[in-house]
Amino acid sequence: MGKFIISSRKNGAYHFNLKAGNGHVILSSESYKSKTACKNGIESVKKNAADNSRFEKITASNGKFYFTLKASNGQVLGTSERYETPSGLENGIESVQTNAAEATIVEE
């Protein structure tokens, strides 16, 4: 089962990583000004991850592949790691969809 790990940064901001059951980070958030806003971002990931149209597939300038997950208003909720192949990217999206809905929230 996946986990959302909330951590704070030195500047007082918060962010989360969604980790798959094997501990691998599959989605990383932007910074949030408060822990409450960060938790709201997690709830938005849980809601939007089931919708394939919320994932934007991108090819980086170095030729690697990554995706972002966006809310209905277009705001980026999280960004994936870089993948070597398009099939790796597709597996990453599937992992987010599989893990996000039932993932627990852990605060570091």
C-alpha atoms as a PDB file:
ATOM      1  CA  MET A   1       0.000   0.000   0.000  1.00  0.00           C
ATOM      2  CA  GLY A   2       1.206   3.485  -0.823  1.00  0.00           C
ATOM      3  CA  LYS A   3       1.980   6.313   1.577  1.00  0.00           C
ATOM      4  CA  PHE A   4       1.940  10.073   1.361  1.00  0.00           C
ATOM      5  CA  ILE A   5       4.936  11.352   3.319  1.00  0.00           C
ATOM      6  CA  ILE A   6       4.593  14.970   4.465  1.00  0.00           C
ATOM      7  CA  SER A   7       7.791  16.770   5.374  1.00  0.00           C
ATOM      8  CA  SER A   8       8.751  20.329   6.136  1.00  0.00           C
ATOM      9  CA  ARG A   9      11.494  22.318   4.490  1.00  0.00           C
ATOM     10  CA  LYS A  10      13.980  24.644   6.123  1.00  0.00           C
ATOM     11  CA  ASN A  11      11.942  27.659   5.002  1.00  0.00           C
ATOM     12  CA  GLY A  12       8.860  26.391   6.873  1.00  0.00           C
ATOM     13  CA  ALA A  13       7.048  25.190   3.751  1.00  0.00           C
ATOM     14  CA  TYR A  14       5.628  21.677   3.400  1.00  0.00           C
ATOM     15  CA  HIS A  15       5.612  19.140   0.591  1.00  0.00           C
ATOM     16  CA  PHE A  16       4.676  15.518   0.103  1.00  0.00           C
ATOM     17  CA  ASN A  17       5.966  12.498  -1.724  1.00  0.00           C
ATOM     18  CA  LEU A  18       3.697   9.645  -2.721  1.00  0.00           C
ATOM     19  CA  LYS A  19       5.579   6.392  -2.253  1.00  0.00           C
ATOM     20  CA  ALA A  20       4.537   3.034  -3.671  1.00  0.00           C
ATOM     21  CA  GLY A  21       4.380  -0.017  -1.419  1.00  0.00           C
ATOM     22  CA  ASN A  22       8.031  -0.766  -2.247  1.00  0.00           C
ATOM     23  CA  GLY A  23       9.074   2.669  -0.912  1.00  0.00           C
ATOM     24  CA  HIS A  24       9.809   4.164  -4.339  1.00  0.00           C
ATOM     25  CA  VAL A  25       8.764   7.830  -4.779  1.00  0.00           C
ATOM     26  CA  ILE A  26       6.205   7.992  -7.595  1.00  0.00           C
ATOM     27  CA  LEU A  27       4.937  11.578  -7.244  1.00  0.00           C
ATOM     28  CA  SER A  28       6.371  14.710  -5.601  1.00  0.00           C
ATOM     29  CA  SER A  29       4.434  17.867  -4.800  1.00  0.00           C
ATOM     30  CA  GLU A  30       5.272  21.516  -5.052  1.00  0.00           C
ATOM     31  CA  SER A  31       5.769  23.538  -1.847  1.00  0.00           C
ATOM     32  CA  TYR A  32       2.807  24.507   0.325  1.00  0.00           C
ATOM     33  CA  LYS A  33       2.787  27.354   2.844  1.00  0.00           C
ATOM     34  CA  SER A  34       0.979  25.315   5.514  1.00  0.00           C
ATOM     35  CA  LYS A  35       0.503  21.715   6.546  1.00  0.00           C
ATOM     36  CA  THR A  36      -3.247  22.113   6.015  1.00  0.00           C
ATOM     37  CA  ALA A  37      -2.697  23.225   2.417  1.00  0.00           C
ATOM     38  CA  CYS A  38      -0.370  20.256   1.910  1.00  0.00           C
ATOM     39  CA  LYS A  39      -3.033  17.860   3.206  1.00  0.00           C
ATOM     40  CA  ASN A  40      -5.573  19.484   0.888  1.00  0.00           C
ATOM     41  CA  GLY A  41      -3.153  18.823  -1.981  1.00  0.00           C
ATOM     42  CA  ILE A  42      -3.008  15.165  -0.992  1.00  0.00           C
ATOM     43  CA  GLU A  43      -6.803  14.944  -1.011  1.00  0.00           C
ATOM     44  CA  SER A  44      -6.804  16.493  -4.473  1.00  0.00           C
ATOM     45  CA  VAL A  45      -4.277  13.889  -5.683  1.00  0.00           C
ATOM     46  CA  LYS A  46      -6.497  11.119  -4.314  1.00  0.00           C
ATOM     47  CA  LYS A  47      -9.480  12.569  -6.175  1.00  0.00           C
ATOM     48  CA  ASN A  48      -7.773  13.391  -9.484  1.00  0.00           C
ATOM     49  CA  ALA A  49      -5.447  10.392  -9.897  1.00  0.00           C
ATOM     50  CA  ALA A  50      -8.277   8.175 -11.143  1.00  0.00           C
ATOM     51  CA  ASP A  51      -8.874  10.461 -14.134  1.00  0.00           C
ATOM     52  CA  ASN A  52      -6.457   9.724 -17.013  1.00  0.00           C
ATOM     53  CA  SER A  53      -7.099  13.168 -18.498  1.00  0.00           C
ATOM     54  CA  ARG A  54      -5.480  14.791 -15.427  1.00  0.00           C
ATOM     55  CA  PHE A  55      -2.050  13.391 -16.353  1.00  0.00           C
ATOM     56  CA  GLU A  56       0.131  15.412 -18.702  1.00  0.00           C
ATOM     57  CA  LYS A  57       2.899  13.382 -20.356  1.00  0.00           C
ATOM     58  CA  ILE A  58       6.038  15.391 -21.090  1.00  0.00           C
ATOM     59  CA  THR A  59       9.367  14.759 -22.796  1.00  0.00           C
ATOM     60  CA  ALA A  60      12.213  16.636 -21.096  1.00  0.00           C
ATOM     61  CA  SER A  61      14.960  18.384 -23.063  1.00  0.00           C
ATOM     62  CA  ASN A  62      17.302  15.471 -22.266  1.00  0.00           C
ATOM     63  CA  GLY A  63      14.908  13.010 -23.943  1.00  0.00           C
ATOM     64  CA  LYS A  64      13.613  11.465 -20.728  1.00  0.00           C
ATOM     65  CA  PHE A  65       9.921  11.212 -19.961  1.00  0.00           C
ATOM     66  CA  TYR A  66       7.889  12.445 -16.994  1.00  0.00           C
ATOM     67  CA  PHE A  67       4.339  13.379 -16.097  1.00  0.00           C
ATOM     68  CA  THR A  68       2.469  15.871 -14.014  1.00  0.00           C
ATOM     69  CA  LEU A  69      -0.862  15.324 -12.308  1.00  0.00           C
ATOM     70  CA  LYS A  70      -3.146  18.338 -12.499  1.00  0.00           C
ATOM     71  CA  ALA A  71      -6.296  19.380 -10.649  1.00  0.00           C
ATOM     72  CA  SER A  72      -9.449  20.322 -12.545  1.00  0.00           C
ATOM     73  CA  ASN A  73      -8.332  23.981 -12.419  1.00  0.00           C
ATOM     74  CA  GLY A  74      -5.045  23.114 -14.161  1.00  0.00           C
ATOM     75  CA  GLN A  75      -2.856  23.484 -11.064  1.00  0.00           C
ATOM     76  CA  VAL A  76      -0.006  20.958 -10.915  1.00  0.00           C
ATOM     77  CA  LEU A  77      -0.469  18.687  -7.909  1.00  0.00           C
ATOM     78  CA  GLY A  78       2.632  16.606  -8.402  1.00  0.00           C
ATOM     79  CA  THR A  79       5.455  15.654 -10.736  1.00  0.00           C
ATOM     80  CA  SER A  80       6.972  12.252 -11.419  1.00  0.00           C
ATOM     81  CA  GLU A  81      10.577  11.186 -11.647  1.00  0.00           C
ATOM     82  CA  ARG A  82      12.251  11.025 -15.078  1.00  0.00           C
ATOM     83  CA  TYR A  83      11.807   7.773 -17.000  1.00  0.00           C
ATOM     84  CA  GLU A  84      14.018   6.308 -19.716  1.00  0.00           C
ATOM     85  CA  THR A  85      11.125   4.967 -21.802  1.00  0.00           C
ATOM     86  CA  PRO A  86       7.492   5.802 -22.557  1.00  0.00           C
ATOM     87  CA  SER A  87       6.486   2.435 -21.072  1.00  0.00           C
ATOM     88  CA  GLY A  88       8.230   3.411 -17.809  1.00  0.00           C
ATOM     89  CA  LEU A  89       6.184   6.614 -17.791  1.00  0.00           C
ATOM     90  CA  GLU A  90       2.955   4.634 -18.321  1.00  0.00           C
ATOM     91  CA  ASN A  91       3.901   2.295 -15.462  1.00  0.00           C
ATOM     92  CA  GLY A  92       4.505   5.345 -13.251  1.00  0.00           C
ATOM     93  CA  ILE A  93       1.046   6.736 -13.994  1.00  0.00           C
ATOM     94  CA  GLU A  94      -0.512   3.345 -13.293  1.00  0.00           C
ATOM     95  CA  SER A  95       1.362   3.166  -9.980  1.00  0.00           C
ATOM     96  CA  VAL A  96       0.036   6.596  -8.931  1.00  0.00           C
ATOM     97  CA  GLN A  97      -3.484   5.527  -9.868  1.00  0.00           C
ATOM     98  CA  THR A  98      -3.136   2.254  -7.945  1.00  0.00           C
ATOM     99  CA  ASN A  99      -1.552   3.721  -4.821  1.00  0.00           C
ATOM    100  CA  ALA A 100      -3.034   7.211  -4.344  1.00  0.00           C
ATOM    101  CA  ALA A 101      -6.646   6.438  -3.453  1.00  0.00           C
ATOM    102  CA  GLU A 102      -5.910   4.231  -0.432  1.00  0.00           C
ATOM    103  CA  ALA A 103      -2.532   5.655   0.595  1.00  0.00           C
ATOM    104  CA  THR A 104      -2.068   6.548   4.232  1.00  0.00           C
ATOM    105  CA  ILE A 105      -0.636   9.906   5.316  1.00  0.00           C
ATOM    106  CA  VAL A 106       2.547   9.976   7.384  1.00  0.00           C
ATOM    107  CA  GLU A 107       4.076  13.144   8.808  1.00  0.00           C
ATOM    108  CA  GLU A 108       7.842  13.301   9.232  1.00  0.00           C
END
